[in-house]
mmCIF file of all heavy atoms, coordinates in Angstrom:
data_MODEL
# 
_entry.id   MODEL 
# 
loop_
_atom_site.group_PDB 
_atom_site.id 
_atom_site.type_symbol 
_atom_site.label_atom_id 
_atom_site.label_alt_id 
_atom_site.label_comp_id 
_atom_site.label_asym_id 
_atom_site.label_entity_id 
_atom_site.label_seq_id 
_atom_site.pdbx_PDB_ins_code 
_atom_site.Cartn_x 
_atom_site.Cartn_y 
_atom_site.Cartn_z 
_atom_site.occupancy 
_atom_site.B_iso_or_equiv 
_atom_site.pdbx_formal_charge 
_atom_site.auth_seq_id 
_atom_site.auth_comp_id 
_atom_site.auth_asym_id 
_atom_site.auth_atom_id 
_atom_site.pdbx_PDB_model_num 
ATOM 1   N N   . ASP A 1 1  ? -3.785 -15.437 7.974   1.00 0.00 ? 1  ASP A N   1 
ATOM 2   C CA  . ASP A 1 1  ? -3.069 -16.703 8.650   1.00 0.00 ? 1  ASP A CA  1 
ATOM 3   C C   . ASP A 1 1  ? -1.882 -17.126 7.831   1.00 0.00 ? 1  ASP A C   1 
ATOM 4   O O   . ASP A 1 1  ? -1.023 -17.768 8.461   1.00 0.00 ? 1  ASP A O   1 
ATOM 5   C CB  . ASP A 1 1  ? -4.190 -17.844 8.786   1.00 0.00 ? 1  ASP A CB  1 
ATOM 6   C CG  . ASP A 1 1  ? -5.228 -17.479 9.782   1.00 0.00 ? 1  ASP A CG  1 
ATOM 7   O OD1 . ASP A 1 1  ? -4.939 -16.777 10.719  1.00 0.00 ? 1  ASP A OD1 1 
ATOM 8   O OD2 . ASP A 1 1  ? -6.190 -18.189 9.632   1.00 0.00 ? 1  ASP A OD2 1 
ATOM 9   N N   . ILE A 1 2  ? -1.727 -16.792 6.520   1.00 0.00 ? 2  ILE A N   1 
ATOM 10  C CA  . ILE A 1 2  ? -0.703 -17.155 5.775   1.00 0.00 ? 2  ILE A CA  1 
ATOM 11  C C   . ILE A 1 2  ? 0.350  -16.078 5.876   1.00 0.00 ? 2  ILE A C   1 
ATOM 12  O O   . ILE A 1 2  ? 1.603  -16.345 5.980   1.00 0.00 ? 2  ILE A O   1 
ATOM 13  C CB  . ILE A 1 2  ? -1.146 -17.324 4.283   1.00 0.00 ? 2  ILE A CB  1 
ATOM 14  C CG1 . ILE A 1 2  ? -2.206 -18.420 4.277   1.00 0.00 ? 2  ILE A CG1 1 
ATOM 15  C CG2 . ILE A 1 2  ? 0.045  -17.609 3.331   1.00 0.00 ? 2  ILE A CG2 1 
ATOM 16  C CD1 . ILE A 1 2  ? -2.918 -18.673 2.941   1.00 0.00 ? 2  ILE A CD1 1 
ATOM 17  N N   . THR A 1 3  ? -0.044 -14.825 5.644   1.00 0.00 ? 3  THR A N   1 
ATOM 18  C CA  . THR A 1 3  ? 0.977  -13.799 5.736   1.00 0.00 ? 3  THR A CA  1 
ATOM 19  C C   . THR A 1 3  ? 0.239  -12.464 6.010   1.00 0.00 ? 3  THR A C   1 
ATOM 20  O O   . THR A 1 3  ? -0.906 -12.231 5.617   1.00 0.00 ? 3  THR A O   1 
ATOM 21  C CB  . THR A 1 3  ? 1.812  -13.686 4.474   1.00 0.00 ? 3  THR A CB  1 
ATOM 22  O OG1 . THR A 1 3  ? 2.752  -12.391 4.583   1.00 0.00 ? 3  THR A OG1 1 
ATOM 23  C CG2 . THR A 1 3  ? 0.970  -13.323 3.231   1.00 0.00 ? 3  THR A CG2 1 
ATOM 24  N N   . GLU A 1 4  ? 0.983  -11.531 6.659   1.00 0.00 ? 4  GLU A N   1 
ATOM 25  C CA  . GLU A 1 4  ? 0.434  -10.173 6.897   1.00 0.00 ? 4  GLU A CA  1 
ATOM 26  C C   . GLU A 1 4  ? 1.271  -9.064  6.188   1.00 0.00 ? 4  GLU A C   1 
ATOM 27  O O   . GLU A 1 4  ? 1.232  -7.936  6.384   1.00 0.00 ? 4  GLU A O   1 
ATOM 28  C CB  . GLU A 1 4  ? 0.515  -9.890  8.493   1.00 0.00 ? 4  GLU A CB  1 
ATOM 29  C CG  . GLU A 1 4  ? -0.558 -10.617 9.269   1.00 0.00 ? 4  GLU A CG  1 
ATOM 30  C CD  . GLU A 1 4  ? -0.499 -10.398 10.683  1.00 0.00 ? 4  GLU A CD  1 
ATOM 31  O OE1 . GLU A 1 4  ? 0.198  -9.379  11.070  1.00 0.00 ? 4  GLU A OE1 1 
ATOM 32  O OE2 . GLU A 1 4  ? -1.172 -11.086 11.501  1.00 0.00 ? 4  GLU A OE2 1 
ATOM 33  N N   . GLY A 1 5  ? 2.103  -9.643  5.086   1.00 0.00 ? 5  GLY A N   1 
ATOM 34  C CA  . GLY A 1 5  ? 2.665  -8.719  4.314   1.00 0.00 ? 5  GLY A CA  1 
ATOM 35  C C   . GLY A 1 5  ? 4.090  -8.772  4.496   1.00 0.00 ? 5  GLY A C   1 
ATOM 36  O O   . GLY A 1 5  ? 4.686  -9.469  5.279   1.00 0.00 ? 5  GLY A O   1 
ATOM 37  N N   . ASP A 1 6  ? 4.825  -8.011  3.461   1.00 0.00 ? 6  ASP A N   1 
ATOM 38  C CA  . ASP A 1 6  ? 6.260  -8.076  3.469   1.00 0.00 ? 6  ASP A CA  1 
ATOM 39  C C   . ASP A 1 6  ? 6.595  -6.854  2.862   1.00 0.00 ? 6  ASP A C   1 
ATOM 40  O O   . ASP A 1 6  ? 6.405  -6.464  1.785   1.00 0.00 ? 6  ASP A O   1 
ATOM 41  C CB  . ASP A 1 6  ? 6.721  -9.305  2.595   1.00 0.00 ? 6  ASP A CB  1 
ATOM 42  C CG  . ASP A 1 6  ? 8.241  -9.421  2.543   1.00 0.00 ? 6  ASP A CG  1 
ATOM 43  O OD1 . ASP A 1 6  ? 8.959  -8.360  2.790   1.00 0.00 ? 6  ASP A OD1 1 
ATOM 44  O OD2 . ASP A 1 6  ? 8.687  -10.432 2.210   1.00 0.00 ? 6  ASP A OD2 1 
ATOM 45  N N   . ARG A 1 7  ? 7.371  -6.062  3.662   1.00 0.00 ? 7  ARG A N   1 
ATOM 46  C CA  . ARG A 1 7  ? 7.894  -4.764  3.222   1.00 0.00 ? 7  ARG A CA  1 
ATOM 47  C C   . ARG A 1 7  ? 8.836  -4.698  2.058   1.00 0.00 ? 7  ARG A C   1 
ATOM 48  O O   . ARG A 1 7  ? 9.002  -3.609  1.457   1.00 0.00 ? 7  ARG A O   1 
ATOM 49  C CB  . ARG A 1 7  ? 8.504  -3.929  4.478   1.00 0.00 ? 7  ARG A CB  1 
ATOM 50  C CG  . ARG A 1 7  ? 7.501  -3.443  5.450   1.00 0.00 ? 7  ARG A CG  1 
ATOM 51  C CD  . ARG A 1 7  ? 7.958  -2.121  6.066   1.00 0.00 ? 7  ARG A CD  1 
ATOM 52  N NE  . ARG A 1 7  ? 7.019  -1.498  6.751   1.00 0.00 ? 7  ARG A NE  1 
ATOM 53  C CZ  . ARG A 1 7  ? 6.117  -0.522  6.324   1.00 0.00 ? 7  ARG A CZ  1 
ATOM 54  N NH1 . ARG A 1 7  ? 6.236  -0.172  5.118   1.00 0.00 ? 7  ARG A NH1 1 
ATOM 55  N NH2 . ARG A 1 7  ? 5.258  -0.050  7.034   1.00 0.00 ? 7  ARG A NH2 1 
ATOM 56  N N   . ASP A 1 8  ? 9.391  -5.869  1.708   1.00 0.00 ? 8  ASP A N   1 
ATOM 57  C CA  . ASP A 1 8  ? 10.228 -5.944  0.575   1.00 0.00 ? 8  ASP A CA  1 
ATOM 58  C C   . ASP A 1 8  ? 9.445  -6.090  -0.841  1.00 0.00 ? 8  ASP A C   1 
ATOM 59  O O   . ASP A 1 8  ? 10.106 -6.078  -1.796  1.00 0.00 ? 8  ASP A O   1 
ATOM 60  C CB  . ASP A 1 8  ? 11.186 -7.146  0.754   1.00 0.00 ? 8  ASP A CB  1 
ATOM 61  C CG  . ASP A 1 8  ? 12.210 -6.901  1.824   1.00 0.00 ? 8  ASP A CG  1 
ATOM 62  O OD1 . ASP A 1 8  ? 12.568 -5.700  2.099   1.00 0.00 ? 8  ASP A OD1 1 
ATOM 63  O OD2 . ASP A 1 8  ? 12.678 -7.916  2.496   1.00 0.00 ? 8  ASP A OD2 1 
ATOM 64  N N   . ILE A 1 9  ? 8.210  -6.259  -0.654  1.00 0.00 ? 9  ILE A N   1 
ATOM 65  C CA  . ILE A 1 9  ? 7.392  -6.414  -1.817  1.00 0.00 ? 9  ILE A CA  1 
ATOM 66  C C   . ILE A 1 9  ? 6.790  -5.108  -2.219  1.00 0.00 ? 9  ILE A C   1 
ATOM 67  O O   . ILE A 1 9  ? 6.114  -4.412  -1.427  1.00 0.00 ? 9  ILE A O   1 
ATOM 68  C CB  . ILE A 1 9  ? 6.206  -7.385  -1.698  1.00 0.00 ? 9  ILE A CB  1 
ATOM 69  C CG1 . ILE A 1 9  ? 6.848  -8.847  -1.407  1.00 0.00 ? 9  ILE A CG1 1 
ATOM 70  C CG2 . ILE A 1 9  ? 5.358  -7.554  -2.825  1.00 0.00 ? 9  ILE A CG2 1 
ATOM 71  C CD1 . ILE A 1 9  ? 5.898  -9.866  -1.053  1.00 0.00 ? 9  ILE A CD1 1 
ATOM 72  N N   . GLN A 1 10 ? 6.965  -4.611  -3.468  1.00 0.00 ? 10 GLN A N   1 
ATOM 73  C CA  . GLN A 1 10 ? 6.357  -3.310  -3.809  1.00 0.00 ? 10 GLN A CA  1 
ATOM 74  C C   . GLN A 1 10 ? 5.274  -3.647  -4.931  1.00 0.00 ? 10 GLN A C   1 
ATOM 75  O O   . GLN A 1 10 ? 5.405  -4.506  -5.724  1.00 0.00 ? 10 GLN A O   1 
ATOM 76  C CB  . GLN A 1 10 ? 7.410  -2.466  -4.579  1.00 0.00 ? 10 GLN A CB  1 
ATOM 77  C CG  . GLN A 1 10 ? 8.489  -2.098  -3.538  1.00 0.00 ? 10 GLN A CG  1 
ATOM 78  C CD  . GLN A 1 10 ? 9.512  -1.153  -4.211  1.00 0.00 ? 10 GLN A CD  1 
ATOM 79  O OE1 . GLN A 1 10 ? 9.375  -0.793  -5.388  1.00 0.00 ? 10 GLN A OE1 1 
ATOM 80  N NE2 . GLN A 1 10 ? 10.557 -0.660  -3.473  1.00 0.00 ? 10 GLN A NE2 1 
ATOM 81  N N   . ILE A 1 11 ? 4.152  -2.914  -4.797  1.00 0.00 ? 11 ILE A N   1 
ATOM 82  C CA  . ILE A 1 11 ? 3.037  -3.123  -5.751  1.00 0.00 ? 11 ILE A CA  1 
ATOM 83  C C   . ILE A 1 11 ? 2.819  -1.772  -6.460  1.00 0.00 ? 11 ILE A C   1 
ATOM 84  O O   . ILE A 1 11 ? 2.799  -0.758  -5.846  1.00 0.00 ? 11 ILE A O   1 
ATOM 85  C CB  . ILE A 1 11 ? 1.711  -3.519  -4.974  1.00 0.00 ? 11 ILE A CB  1 
ATOM 86  C CG1 . ILE A 1 11 ? 1.930  -4.789  -4.206  1.00 0.00 ? 11 ILE A CG1 1 
ATOM 87  C CG2 . ILE A 1 11 ? 0.545  -3.498  -5.739  1.00 0.00 ? 11 ILE A CG2 1 
ATOM 88  C CD1 . ILE A 1 11 ? 0.821  -5.119  -3.270  1.00 0.00 ? 11 ILE A CD1 1 
ATOM 89  N N   . LEU A 1 12 ? 2.658  -1.896  -7.804  1.00 0.00 ? 12 LEU A N   1 
ATOM 90  C CA  . LEU A 1 12 ? 2.404  -0.773  -8.659  1.00 0.00 ? 12 LEU A CA  1 
ATOM 91  C C   . LEU A 1 12 ? 0.883  -0.665  -8.763  1.00 0.00 ? 12 LEU A C   1 
ATOM 92  O O   . LEU A 1 12 ? 0.266  -1.690  -9.268  1.00 0.00 ? 12 LEU A O   1 
ATOM 93  C CB  . LEU A 1 12 ? 3.120  -0.767  -9.877  1.00 0.00 ? 12 LEU A CB  1 
ATOM 94  C CG  . LEU A 1 12 ? 2.803  0.400   -11.000 1.00 0.00 ? 12 LEU A CG  1 
ATOM 95  C CD1 . LEU A 1 12 ? 3.326  1.810   -10.276 1.00 0.00 ? 12 LEU A CD1 1 
ATOM 96  C CD2 . LEU A 1 12 ? 3.537  0.124   -12.190 1.00 0.00 ? 12 LEU A CD2 1 
ATOM 97  N N   . GLN A 1 13 ? 0.254  0.512   -8.506  1.00 0.00 ? 13 GLN A N   1 
ATOM 98  C CA  . GLN A 1 13 ? -1.164 0.657   -8.674  1.00 0.00 ? 13 GLN A CA  1 
ATOM 99  C C   . GLN A 1 13 ? -1.352 1.709   -9.558  1.00 0.00 ? 13 GLN A C   1 
ATOM 100 O O   . GLN A 1 13 ? -1.013 2.821   -9.534  1.00 0.00 ? 13 GLN A O   1 
ATOM 101 C CB  . GLN A 1 13 ? -1.837 0.980   -7.297  1.00 0.00 ? 13 GLN A CB  1 
ATOM 102 C CG  . GLN A 1 13 ? -3.285 1.372   -7.392  1.00 0.00 ? 13 GLN A CG  1 
ATOM 103 C CD  . GLN A 1 13 ? -3.840 1.722   -6.143  1.00 0.00 ? 13 GLN A CD  1 
ATOM 104 O OE1 . GLN A 1 13 ? -3.556 1.269   -5.118  1.00 0.00 ? 13 GLN A OE1 1 
ATOM 105 N NE2 . GLN A 1 13 ? -4.839 2.682   -6.258  1.00 0.00 ? 13 GLN A NE2 1 
ATOM 106 N N   . PHE A 1 14 ? -2.022 1.421   -10.672 1.00 0.00 ? 14 PHE A N   1 
ATOM 107 C CA  . PHE A 1 14 ? -2.534 2.491   -11.655 1.00 0.00 ? 14 PHE A CA  1 
ATOM 108 C C   . PHE A 1 14 ? -3.881 2.958   -11.302 1.00 0.00 ? 14 PHE A C   1 
ATOM 109 O O   . PHE A 1 14 ? -4.816 2.098   -11.312 1.00 0.00 ? 14 PHE A O   1 
ATOM 110 C CB  . PHE A 1 14 ? -2.397 2.022   -13.182 1.00 0.00 ? 14 PHE A CB  1 
ATOM 111 C CG  . PHE A 1 14 ? -1.058 1.747   -13.671 1.00 0.00 ? 14 PHE A CG  1 
ATOM 112 C CD1 . PHE A 1 14 ? -0.459 0.477   -13.669 1.00 0.00 ? 14 PHE A CD1 1 
ATOM 113 C CD2 . PHE A 1 14 ? -0.361 2.741   -14.058 1.00 0.00 ? 14 PHE A CD2 1 
ATOM 114 C CE1 . PHE A 1 14 ? 0.727  0.295   -14.290 1.00 0.00 ? 14 PHE A CE1 1 
ATOM 115 C CE2 . PHE A 1 14 ? 0.904  2.609   -14.720 1.00 0.00 ? 14 PHE A CE2 1 
ATOM 116 C CZ  . PHE A 1 14 ? 1.458  1.361   -14.675 1.00 0.00 ? 14 PHE A CZ  1 
ATOM 117 N N   . SER A 1 15 ? -4.126 4.147   -11.084 1.00 0.00 ? 15 SER A N   1 
ATOM 118 C CA  . SER A 1 15 ? -5.302 4.790   -10.591 1.00 0.00 ? 15 SER A CA  1 
ATOM 119 C C   . SER A 1 15 ? -5.235 6.214   -10.908 1.00 0.00 ? 15 SER A C   1 
ATOM 120 O O   . SER A 1 15 ? -4.218 6.839   -11.358 1.00 0.00 ? 15 SER A O   1 
ATOM 121 C CB  . SER A 1 15 ? -5.641 4.245   -9.228  1.00 0.00 ? 15 SER A CB  1 
ATOM 122 O OG  . SER A 1 15 ? -7.000 4.675   -8.999  1.00 0.00 ? 15 SER A OG  1 
ATOM 123 N N   . THR A 1 16 ? -6.217 6.993   -10.383 1.00 0.00 ? 16 THR A N   1 
ATOM 124 C CA  . THR A 1 16 ? -6.294 8.421   -10.577 1.00 0.00 ? 16 THR A CA  1 
ATOM 125 C C   . THR A 1 16 ? -6.003 9.109   -9.320  1.00 0.00 ? 16 THR A C   1 
ATOM 126 O O   . THR A 1 16 ? -6.373 10.290  -9.113  1.00 0.00 ? 16 THR A O   1 
ATOM 127 C CB  . THR A 1 16 ? -7.689 8.831   -11.069 1.00 0.00 ? 16 THR A CB  1 
ATOM 128 O OG1 . THR A 1 16 ? -8.730 8.344   -10.260 1.00 0.00 ? 16 THR A OG1 1 
ATOM 129 C CG2 . THR A 1 16 ? -7.776 8.347   -12.505 1.00 0.00 ? 16 THR A CG2 1 
ATOM 130 N N   . GLY A 1 17 ? -5.362 8.474   -8.342  1.00 0.00 ? 17 GLY A N   1 
ATOM 131 C CA  . GLY A 1 17 ? -4.998 9.205   -7.148  1.00 0.00 ? 17 GLY A CA  1 
ATOM 132 C C   . GLY A 1 17 ? -5.382 8.483   -5.853  1.00 0.00 ? 17 GLY A C   1 
ATOM 133 O O   . GLY A 1 17 ? -6.217 7.674   -5.860  1.00 0.00 ? 17 GLY A O   1 
ATOM 134 N N   . VAL A 1 18 ? -4.751 8.945   -4.815  1.00 0.00 ? 18 VAL A N   1 
ATOM 135 C CA  . VAL A 1 18 ? -5.050 8.347   -3.471  1.00 0.00 ? 18 VAL A CA  1 
ATOM 136 C C   . VAL A 1 18 ? -5.182 9.499   -2.553  1.00 0.00 ? 18 VAL A C   1 
ATOM 137 O O   . VAL A 1 18 ? -4.456 10.498  -2.600  1.00 0.00 ? 18 VAL A O   1 
ATOM 138 C CB  . VAL A 1 18 ? -3.868 7.400   -3.003  1.00 0.00 ? 18 VAL A CB  1 
ATOM 139 C CG1 . VAL A 1 18 ? -4.228 6.832   -1.624  1.00 0.00 ? 18 VAL A CG1 1 
ATOM 140 C CG2 . VAL A 1 18 ? -3.901 6.258   -3.941  1.00 0.00 ? 18 VAL A CG2 1 
ATOM 141 N N   . ALA A 1 19 ? -6.123 9.562   -1.652  1.00 0.00 ? 19 ALA A N   1 
ATOM 142 C CA  . ALA A 1 19 ? -6.371 10.589  -0.592  1.00 0.00 ? 19 ALA A CA  1 
ATOM 143 C C   . ALA A 1 19 ? -5.185 10.559  0.351   1.00 0.00 ? 19 ALA A C   1 
ATOM 144 O O   . ALA A 1 19 ? -4.618 9.474   0.597   1.00 0.00 ? 19 ALA A O   1 
ATOM 145 C CB  . ALA A 1 19 ? -7.709 10.360  0.114   1.00 0.00 ? 19 ALA A CB  1 
ATOM 146 N N   . ASN A 1 20 ? -4.809 11.722  0.809   1.00 0.00 ? 20 ASN A N   1 
ATOM 147 C CA  . ASN A 1 20 ? -3.906 11.912  1.916   1.00 0.00 ? 20 ASN A CA  1 
ATOM 148 C C   . ASN A 1 20 ? -4.486 11.446  3.199   1.00 0.00 ? 20 ASN A C   1 
ATOM 149 O O   . ASN A 1 20 ? -5.184 12.171  3.918   1.00 0.00 ? 20 ASN A O   1 
ATOM 150 C CB  . ASN A 1 20 ? -3.410 13.332  2.011   1.00 0.00 ? 20 ASN A CB  1 
ATOM 151 C CG  . ASN A 1 20 ? -2.207 13.412  2.826   1.00 0.00 ? 20 ASN A CG  1 
ATOM 152 O OD1 . ASN A 1 20 ? -1.653 12.535  3.349   1.00 0.00 ? 20 ASN A OD1 1 
ATOM 153 N ND2 . ASN A 1 20 ? -1.790 14.678  3.030   1.00 0.00 ? 20 ASN A ND2 1 
ATOM 154 N N   . HIS A 1 21 ? -4.330 10.135  3.458   1.00 0.00 ? 21 HIS A N   1 
ATOM 155 C CA  . HIS A 1 21 ? -4.870 9.563   4.700   1.00 0.00 ? 21 HIS A CA  1 
ATOM 156 C C   . HIS A 1 21 ? -3.848 9.022   5.687   1.00 0.00 ? 21 HIS A C   1 
ATOM 157 O O   . HIS A 1 21 ? -2.784 8.374   5.131   1.00 0.00 ? 21 HIS A O   1 
ATOM 158 C CB  . HIS A 1 21 ? -5.911 8.467   4.291   1.00 0.00 ? 21 HIS A CB  1 
ATOM 159 C CG  . HIS A 1 21 ? -6.709 7.980   5.446   1.00 0.00 ? 21 HIS A CG  1 
ATOM 160 N ND1 . HIS A 1 21 ? -6.135 6.998   6.325   1.00 0.00 ? 21 HIS A ND1 1 
ATOM 161 C CD2 . HIS A 1 21 ? -7.924 8.218   5.816   1.00 0.00 ? 21 HIS A CD2 1 
ATOM 162 C CE1 . HIS A 1 21 ? -7.093 6.800   7.269   1.00 0.00 ? 21 HIS A CE1 1 
ATOM 163 N NE2 . HIS A 1 21 ? -8.243 7.468   7.037   1.00 0.00 ? 21 HIS A NE2 1 
ATOM 164 N N   . GLU A 1 22 ? -3.881 9.148   6.906   1.00 0.00 ? 22 GLU A N   1 
ATOM 165 C CA  . GLU A 1 22 ? -2.861 8.567   7.827   1.00 0.00 ? 22 GLU A CA  1 
ATOM 166 C C   . GLU A 1 22 ? -2.448 7.125   7.813   1.00 0.00 ? 22 GLU A C   1 
ATOM 167 O O   . GLU A 1 22 ? -1.452 6.724   8.007   1.00 0.00 ? 22 GLU A O   1 
ATOM 168 C CB  . GLU A 1 22 ? -3.252 8.934   9.271   1.00 0.00 ? 22 GLU A CB  1 
ATOM 169 C CG  . GLU A 1 22 ? -4.467 8.271   9.687   1.00 0.00 ? 22 GLU A CG  1 
ATOM 170 C CD  . GLU A 1 22 ? -4.968 8.826   11.215  1.00 0.00 ? 22 GLU A CD  1 
ATOM 171 O OE1 . GLU A 1 22 ? -5.115 9.905   11.327  1.00 0.00 ? 22 GLU A OE1 1 
ATOM 172 O OE2 . GLU A 1 22 ? -5.270 7.837   11.976  1.00 0.00 ? 22 GLU A OE2 1 
ATOM 173 N N   . ASP A 1 23 ? -3.509 6.382   7.323   1.00 0.00 ? 23 ASP A N   1 
ATOM 174 C CA  . ASP A 1 23 ? -3.251 5.048   7.201   1.00 0.00 ? 23 ASP A CA  1 
ATOM 175 C C   . ASP A 1 23 ? -2.537 4.556   5.911   1.00 0.00 ? 23 ASP A C   1 
ATOM 176 O O   . ASP A 1 23 ? -1.993 3.455   5.740   1.00 0.00 ? 23 ASP A O   1 
ATOM 177 C CB  . ASP A 1 23 ? -4.522 4.133   7.140   1.00 0.00 ? 23 ASP A CB  1 
ATOM 178 C CG  . ASP A 1 23 ? -5.086 3.860   8.534   1.00 0.00 ? 23 ASP A CG  1 
ATOM 179 O OD1 . ASP A 1 23 ? -4.444 4.290   9.531   1.00 0.00 ? 23 ASP A OD1 1 
ATOM 180 O OD2 . ASP A 1 23 ? -6.291 3.396   8.665   1.00 0.00 ? 23 ASP A OD2 1 
ATOM 181 N N   . LEU A 1 24 ? -2.303 5.584   4.974   1.00 0.00 ? 24 LEU A N   1 
ATOM 182 C CA  . LEU A 1 24 ? -1.706 5.334   3.715   1.00 0.00 ? 24 LEU A CA  1 
ATOM 183 C C   . LEU A 1 24 ? -0.373 5.954   3.502   1.00 0.00 ? 24 LEU A C   1 
ATOM 184 O O   . LEU A 1 24 ? 0.410  5.559   2.775   1.00 0.00 ? 24 LEU A O   1 
ATOM 185 C CB  . LEU A 1 24 ? -2.740 5.647   2.622   1.00 0.00 ? 24 LEU A CB  1 
ATOM 186 C CG  . LEU A 1 24 ? -4.061 4.946   2.622   1.00 0.00 ? 24 LEU A CG  1 
ATOM 187 C CD1 . LEU A 1 24 ? -4.952 5.468   1.488   1.00 0.00 ? 24 LEU A CD1 1 
ATOM 188 C CD2 . LEU A 1 24 ? -3.842 3.466   2.411   1.00 0.00 ? 24 LEU A CD2 1 
ATOM 189 N N   . THR A 1 25 ? -0.292 7.237   3.982   1.00 0.00 ? 25 THR A N   1 
ATOM 190 C CA  . THR A 1 25 ? 0.876  8.062   3.596   1.00 0.00 ? 25 THR A CA  1 
ATOM 191 C C   . THR A 1 25 ? 2.193  7.491   3.860   1.00 0.00 ? 25 THR A C   1 
ATOM 192 O O   . THR A 1 25 ? 3.027  7.657   3.029   1.00 0.00 ? 25 THR A O   1 
ATOM 193 C CB  . THR A 1 25 ? 0.736  9.471   4.242   1.00 0.00 ? 25 THR A CB  1 
ATOM 194 O OG1 . THR A 1 25 ? 0.712  9.248   5.733   1.00 0.00 ? 25 THR A OG1 1 
ATOM 195 C CG2 . THR A 1 25 ? -0.507 10.265  3.864   1.00 0.00 ? 25 THR A CG2 1 
ATOM 196 N N   . GLU A 1 26 ? 2.324  6.669   4.831   1.00 0.00 ? 26 GLU A N   1 
ATOM 197 C CA  . GLU A 1 26 ? 3.555  5.966   5.152   1.00 0.00 ? 26 GLU A CA  1 
ATOM 198 C C   . GLU A 1 26 ? 4.018  4.818   3.977   1.00 0.00 ? 26 GLU A C   1 
ATOM 199 O O   . GLU A 1 26 ? 5.110  4.637   3.713   1.00 0.00 ? 26 GLU A O   1 
ATOM 200 C CB  . GLU A 1 26 ? 3.456  5.272   6.434   1.00 0.00 ? 26 GLU A CB  1 
ATOM 201 C CG  . GLU A 1 26 ? 4.630  4.477   6.839   1.00 0.00 ? 26 GLU A CG  1 
ATOM 202 C CD  . GLU A 1 26 ? 4.339  3.707   8.161   1.00 0.00 ? 26 GLU A CD  1 
ATOM 203 O OE1 . GLU A 1 26 ? 3.911  4.458   9.150   1.00 0.00 ? 26 GLU A OE1 1 
ATOM 204 O OE2 . GLU A 1 26 ? 4.622  2.698   8.378   1.00 0.00 ? 26 GLU A OE2 1 
# 
């Protein structure tokens, strides 16, 4: 209700990897 995101904001995630998934690859 406040925001659905902003493509100008970048987030750095430290982890051990992300699966190749159609909802994420873009």
